[in-house]
Amino acid sequence: MNYITKMRELIKKLEMNEDKKIYILKKLNEMERELERNRTRLEVIGDFSISVANYIEKVGEKAEPLRKWLDSITKIFSVARDKTDNGGKIPPPEATKRIEPPKAVGEADIPF
């Protein structure tokens, strides 16, 4: 059983407003679809994390496993991002290409 399945089962068991539960499950489904892509966008993972964080705090200890699983997923993406993102460093700016300034035109250069 993977993290997503475990999260889904736990969320369904939590005692919370049904609308909030549906909202969190919707965010979980979005994250699951994103994880199936070849190149996962971190925005979707972040959106799920932020959306769920507030509700986890309100539900309390019963949601603790959800927080731990979410931490594990976030760590995986953090390591992957660091490897592909130059260790999180901002790359130096590219050299600006410049064009030659206009040449001075003398009377001898005029073609007529």
N, C-alpha and C. Protein backbone atom coordinates (compact mmCIF):
# COMPACT_ATOMS: atom_id res chain seq x y z
N MET A 1 0.86 -1.18 0.00
CA MET A 1 0.00 0.00 0.00
C MET A 1 0.90 1.24 0.00
N ASN A 2 0.63 2.18 -0.89
CA ASN A 2 1.49 3.36 -0.99
C ASN A 2 0.99 4.50 -0.09
N TYR A 3 1.77 5.57 -0.01
CA TYR A 3 1.43 6.72 0.83
C TYR A 3 0.07 7.32 0.47
N ILE A 4 -0.19 7.44 -0.81
CA ILE A 4 -1.44 8.07 -1.25
C ILE A 4 -2.64 7.26 -0.75
N THR A 5 -2.58 5.95 -0.89
CA THR A 5 -3.67 5.09 -0.44
C THR A 5 -3.85 5.19 1.07
N LYS A 6 -2.73 5.18 1.80
CA LYS A 6 -2.79 5.30 3.26
C LYS A 6 -3.39 6.64 3.66
N MET A 7 -2.98 7.71 2.97
CA MET A 7 -3.52 9.03 3.28
C MET A 7 -5.02 9.08 3.02
N ARG A 8 -5.43 8.54 1.88
CA ARG A 8 -6.84 8.56 1.52
C ARG A 8 -7.68 7.84 2.59
N GLU A 9 -7.22 6.67 3.02
CA GLU A 9 -7.95 5.92 4.04
C GLU A 9 -8.02 6.67 5.36
N LEU A 10 -6.92 7.28 5.75
CA LEU A 10 -6.90 8.03 7.00
C LEU A 10 -7.81 9.25 6.93
N ILE A 11 -7.76 9.97 5.83
CA ILE A 11 -8.60 11.17 5.67
C ILE A 11 -10.08 10.79 5.76
N LYS A 12 -10.45 9.69 5.15
CA LYS A 12 -11.84 9.25 5.18
C LYS A 12 -12.31 8.93 6.60
N LYS A 13 -11.39 8.50 7.47
CA LYS A 13 -11.74 8.13 8.84
C LYS A 13 -11.75 9.32 9.80
N LEU A 14 -11.11 10.43 9.42
CA LEU A 14 -11.00 11.58 10.33
C LEU A 14 -12.36 12.20 10.61
N GLU A 15 -12.52 12.66 11.83
CA GLU A 15 -13.75 13.35 12.21
C GLU A 15 -13.58 14.83 11.89
N MET A 16 -14.14 15.23 10.76
CA MET A 16 -14.08 16.62 10.34
C MET A 16 -15.26 16.92 9.44
N ASN A 17 -15.48 18.17 9.19
CA ASN A 17 -16.54 18.62 8.30
C ASN A 17 -16.41 17.89 6.96
N GLU A 18 -17.53 17.40 6.46
CA GLU A 18 -17.52 16.61 5.21
C GLU A 18 -16.99 17.44 4.03
N ASP A 19 -17.32 18.73 3.98
CA ASP A 19 -16.82 19.58 2.89
C ASP A 19 -15.30 19.69 2.93
N LYS A 20 -14.74 19.80 4.13
CA LYS A 20 -13.28 19.88 4.27
C LYS A 20 -12.65 18.55 3.85
N LYS A 21 -13.28 17.47 4.22
CA LYS A 21 -12.77 16.15 3.87
C LYS A 21 -12.75 15.99 2.34
N ILE A 22 -13.82 16.41 1.69
CA ILE A 22 -13.90 16.32 0.23
C ILE A 22 -12.83 17.20 -0.41
N TYR A 23 -12.63 18.39 0.15
CA TYR A 23 -11.62 19.31 -0.37
C TYR A 23 -10.22 18.69 -0.28
N ILE A 24 -9.90 18.11 0.86
CA ILE A 24 -8.58 17.49 1.04
C ILE A 24 -8.42 16.30 0.11
N LEU A 25 -9.45 15.48 -0.02
CA LEU A 25 -9.38 14.33 -0.94
C LEU A 25 -9.21 14.79 -2.38
N LYS A 26 -9.84 15.90 -2.73
CA LYS A 26 -9.67 16.46 -4.09
C LYS A 26 -8.20 16.86 -4.30
N LYS A 27 -7.61 17.53 -3.32
CA LYS A 27 -6.21 17.92 -3.42
C LYS A 27 -5.30 16.70 -3.48
N LEU A 28 -5.65 15.67 -2.74
CA LEU A 28 -4.87 14.43 -2.77
C LEU A 28 -4.95 13.78 -4.15
N ASN A 29 -6.14 13.78 -4.75
CA ASN A 29 -6.29 13.23 -6.09
C ASN A 29 -5.47 14.01 -7.11
N GLU A 30 -5.45 15.34 -6.98
CA GLU A 30 -4.64 16.17 -7.87
C GLU A 30 -3.16 15.83 -7.73
N MET A 31 -2.72 15.64 -6.49
CA MET A 31 -1.33 15.30 -6.25
C MET A 31 -1.02 13.92 -6.83
N GLU A 32 -1.93 12.97 -6.67
CA GLU A 32 -1.71 11.63 -7.21
C GLU A 32 -1.57 11.68 -8.73
N ARG A 33 -2.44 12.43 -9.40
CA ARG A 33 -2.33 12.56 -10.86
C ARG A 33 -1.00 13.19 -11.25
N GLU A 34 -0.57 14.16 -10.48
CA GLU A 34 0.70 14.84 -10.77
C GLU A 34 1.88 13.89 -10.59
N LEU A 35 1.82 13.03 -9.59
CA LEU A 35 2.91 12.08 -9.34
C LEU A 35 3.04 11.05 -10.45
N GLU A 36 1.98 10.84 -11.21
CA GLU A 36 2.01 9.88 -12.31
C GLU A 36 2.66 10.45 -13.57
N ARG A 37 2.88 11.75 -13.58
CA ARG A 37 3.52 12.39 -14.73
C ARG A 37 5.01 12.07 -14.74
N ASN A 38 5.64 12.23 -15.89
CA ASN A 38 7.09 12.02 -15.98
C ASN A 38 7.85 13.09 -15.20
N ARG A 39 7.36 14.29 -15.24
CA ARG A 39 8.02 15.41 -14.57
C ARG A 39 7.01 16.08 -13.65
N THR A 40 7.07 15.79 -12.38
CA THR A 40 6.10 16.30 -11.42
C THR A 40 6.38 17.77 -11.11
N ARG A 41 5.33 18.58 -11.17
CA ARG A 41 5.46 19.99 -10.83
C ARG A 41 5.39 20.14 -9.32
N LEU A 42 6.36 20.82 -8.76
CA LEU A 42 6.41 20.99 -7.31
C LEU A 42 5.26 21.86 -6.80
N GLU A 43 4.69 22.68 -7.66
CA GLU A 43 3.59 23.55 -7.25
C GLU A 43 2.41 22.72 -6.74
N VAL A 44 2.15 21.60 -7.39
CA VAL A 44 1.01 20.76 -7.01
C VAL A 44 1.28 20.10 -5.65
N ILE A 45 2.50 19.64 -5.45
CA ILE A 45 2.86 19.04 -4.17
C ILE A 45 2.76 20.09 -3.07
N GLY A 46 3.27 21.27 -3.35
CA GLY A 46 3.20 22.36 -2.38
C GLY A 46 1.77 22.76 -2.07
N ASP A 47 0.93 22.80 -3.09
CA ASP A 47 -0.47 23.16 -2.91
C ASP A 47 -1.15 22.16 -1.99
N PHE A 48 -0.89 20.88 -2.20
CA PHE A 48 -1.48 19.87 -1.33
C PHE A 48 -0.99 20.04 0.11
N SER A 49 0.31 20.24 0.27
CA SER A 49 0.90 20.37 1.61
C SER A 49 0.30 21.56 2.36
N ILE A 50 0.21 22.68 1.68
CA ILE A 50 -0.33 23.88 2.31
C ILE A 50 -1.82 23.72 2.61
N SER A 51 -2.55 23.14 1.68
CA SER A 51 -3.99 22.96 1.85
C SER A 51 -4.30 22.05 3.04
N VAL A 52 -3.49 21.04 3.22
CA VAL A 52 -3.75 20.05 4.26
C VAL A 52 -3.21 20.48 5.62
N ALA A 53 -2.14 21.25 5.63
CA ALA A 53 -1.48 21.61 6.89
C ALA A 53 -2.44 22.22 7.91
N ASN A 54 -3.27 23.13 7.48
CA ASN A 54 -4.19 23.79 8.39
C ASN A 54 -5.19 22.81 8.98
N TYR A 55 -5.70 21.90 8.17
CA TYR A 55 -6.69 20.94 8.65
C TYR A 55 -6.07 19.91 9.58
N ILE A 56 -4.84 19.52 9.31
CA ILE A 56 -4.18 18.54 10.16
C ILE A 56 -4.07 19.08 11.58
N GLU A 57 -3.70 20.33 11.69
CA GLU A 57 -3.54 20.95 13.00
C GLU A 57 -4.86 20.94 13.78
N LYS A 58 -5.96 21.20 13.09
CA LYS A 58 -7.26 21.26 13.76
C LYS A 58 -7.75 19.88 14.19
N VAL A 59 -7.44 18.86 13.42
CA VAL A 59 -7.91 17.51 13.74
C VAL A 59 -7.10 16.91 14.88
N GLY A 60 -5.83 17.26 14.95
CA GLY A 60 -5.01 16.83 16.07
C GLY A 60 -4.27 15.53 15.84
N GLU A 61 -4.12 14.77 16.91
CA GLU A 61 -3.27 13.57 16.90
C GLU A 61 -3.74 12.48 15.95
N LYS A 62 -5.02 12.43 15.66
CA LYS A 62 -5.52 11.38 14.77
C LYS A 62 -4.95 11.54 13.37
N ALA A 63 -4.54 12.76 13.02
CA ALA A 63 -3.99 13.02 11.69
C ALA A 63 -2.46 12.96 11.68
N GLU A 64 -1.85 12.61 12.78
CA GLU A 64 -0.38 12.58 12.86
C GLU A 64 0.26 11.69 11.79
N PRO A 65 -0.26 10.50 11.50
CA PRO A 65 0.35 9.70 10.43
C PRO A 65 0.33 10.43 9.08
N LEU A 66 -0.72 11.19 8.82
CA LEU A 66 -0.82 11.94 7.58
C LEU A 66 0.31 12.95 7.47
N ARG A 67 0.61 13.63 8.57
CA ARG A 67 1.71 14.61 8.57
C ARG A 67 3.04 13.92 8.31
N LYS A 68 3.25 12.76 8.91
CA LYS A 68 4.50 12.03 8.71
C LYS A 68 4.66 11.58 7.26
N TRP A 69 3.59 11.08 6.66
CA TRP A 69 3.65 10.65 5.26
C TRP A 69 3.91 11.84 4.34
N LEU A 70 3.26 12.94 4.66
CA LEU A 70 3.44 14.15 3.87
C LEU A 70 4.89 14.65 3.99
N ASP A 71 5.44 14.58 5.19
CA ASP A 71 6.86 14.95 5.38
C ASP A 71 7.77 14.06 4.53
N SER A 72 7.47 12.77 4.49
CA SER A 72 8.29 11.84 3.70
C SER A 72 8.24 12.18 2.22
N ILE A 73 7.05 12.46 1.71
CA ILE A 73 6.90 12.82 0.30
C ILE A 73 7.63 14.12 0.01
N THR A 74 7.49 15.09 0.90
CA THR A 74 8.13 16.38 0.70
C THR A 74 9.65 16.24 0.70
N LYS A 75 10.19 15.39 1.56
CA LYS A 75 11.65 15.18 1.59
C LYS A 75 12.14 14.56 0.28
N ILE A 76 11.38 13.62 -0.25
CA ILE A 76 11.76 13.00 -1.52
C ILE A 76 11.88 14.06 -2.61
N PHE A 77 10.89 14.94 -2.67
CA PHE A 77 10.91 15.98 -3.70
C PHE A 77 11.97 17.03 -3.43
N SER A 78 12.26 17.27 -2.19
CA SER A 78 13.30 18.23 -1.85
C SER A 78 14.67 17.74 -2.33
N VAL A 79 14.95 16.47 -2.11
CA VAL A 79 16.22 15.89 -2.56
C VAL A 79 16.29 15.89 -4.09
N ALA A 80 15.19 15.51 -4.73
CA ALA A 80 15.16 15.48 -6.20
C ALA A 80 15.34 16.88 -6.78
N ARG A 81 14.71 17.87 -6.18
CA ARG A 81 14.84 19.24 -6.67
C ARG A 81 16.27 19.73 -6.53
N ASP A 82 16.89 19.42 -5.40
CA ASP A 82 18.27 19.85 -5.20
C ASP A 82 19.20 19.26 -6.25
N LYS A 83 18.94 18.03 -6.66
CA LYS A 83 19.79 17.39 -7.67
C LYS A 83 19.60 18.02 -9.05
N THR A 84 18.37 18.40 -9.37
CA THR A 84 18.10 18.96 -10.70
C THR A 84 18.16 20.47 -10.74
N ASP A 85 18.20 21.08 -9.58
CA ASP A 85 18.11 22.54 -9.50
C ASP A 85 19.42 23.17 -9.08
N ASN A 86 20.52 22.52 -9.38
CA ASN A 86 21.84 23.06 -9.03
C ASN A 86 21.95 23.25 -7.51
N GLY A 87 21.39 22.32 -6.77
CA GLY A 87 21.48 22.38 -5.31
C GLY A 87 20.70 23.53 -4.72
N GLY A 88 19.72 24.04 -5.45
CA GLY A 88 18.92 25.15 -4.95
C GLY A 88 19.59 26.50 -5.14
N LYS A 89 20.74 26.50 -5.80
CA LYS A 89 21.46 27.76 -6.01
C LYS A 89 20.90 28.48 -7.23
N ILE A 90 20.92 29.79 -7.15
CA ILE A 90 20.48 30.58 -8.29
C ILE A 90 21.64 30.65 -9.28
N PRO A 91 21.39 30.29 -10.54
CA PRO A 91 22.48 30.31 -11.53
C PRO A 91 22.90 31.74 -11.84
N PRO A 92 24.16 31.92 -12.22
CA PRO A 92 24.62 33.26 -12.56
C PRO A 92 23.88 33.75 -13.80
N PRO A 93 23.71 35.06 -13.91
CA PRO A 93 23.01 35.56 -15.10
C PRO A 93 23.81 35.27 -16.37
N GLU A 94 23.08 35.06 -17.44
CA GLU A 94 23.74 34.83 -18.72
C GLU A 94 24.33 36.15 -19.20
N ALA A 95 25.43 36.04 -19.95
CA ALA A 95 26.05 37.25 -20.49
C ALA A 95 25.07 37.90 -21.46
N THR A 96 24.95 39.21 -21.35
CA THR A 96 24.05 39.94 -22.22
C THR A 96 24.71 40.12 -23.58
N LYS A 97 23.99 39.75 -24.60
CA LYS A 97 24.53 39.92 -25.95
C LYS A 97 24.39 41.39 -26.32
N ARG A 98 25.42 41.89 -26.96
CA ARG A 98 25.42 43.30 -27.35
C ARG A 98 25.64 43.41 -28.86
N ILE A 99 25.06 44.43 -29.43
CA ILE A 99 25.28 44.66 -30.85
C ILE A 99 26.31 45.78 -30.99
N GLU A 100 26.94 45.81 -32.13
CA GLU A 100 27.93 46.85 -32.36
C GLU A 100 27.26 48.21 -32.42
N PRO A 101 27.92 49.23 -31.88
CA PRO A 101 27.33 50.57 -31.99
C PRO A 101 27.38 51.03 -33.44
N PRO A 102 26.56 51.99 -33.81
CA PRO A 102 26.56 52.46 -35.20
C PRO A 102 27.91 53.11 -35.53
N LYS A 103 28.32 52.92 -36.76
CA LYS A 103 29.59 53.51 -37.20
C LYS A 103 29.32 54.95 -37.62
N ALA A 104 30.32 55.76 -37.44
CA ALA A 104 30.19 57.15 -37.86
C ALA A 104 30.14 57.20 -39.38
N VAL A 105 29.23 57.94 -39.91
CA VAL A 105 29.08 58.04 -41.35
C VAL A 105 29.66 59.38 -41.79
N GLY A 106 30.65 59.30 -42.63
CA GLY A 106 31.23 60.53 -43.16
C GLY A 106 30.66 60.80 -44.54
N GLU A 107 30.97 61.96 -45.08
CA GLU A 107 30.44 62.33 -46.41
C GLU A 107 30.93 61.36 -47.47
N ALA A 108 32.11 60.80 -47.31
CA ALA A 108 32.65 59.89 -48.32
C ALA A 108 31.89 58.55 -48.31
N ASP A 109 31.23 58.23 -47.22
CA ASP A 109 30.51 56.97 -47.10
C ASP A 109 29.10 57.01 -47.71
N ILE A 110 28.61 58.19 -48.03
CA ILE A 110 27.26 58.31 -48.58
C ILE A 110 27.32 57.89 -50.04
N PRO A 111 26.45 56.95 -50.47
CA PRO A 111 26.57 56.36 -51.80
C PRO A 111 26.08 57.25 -52.93
N PHE A 112 25.63 58.44 -52.77
CA PHE A 112 25.19 59.24 -53.93
C PHE A 112 25.99 60.44 -54.18
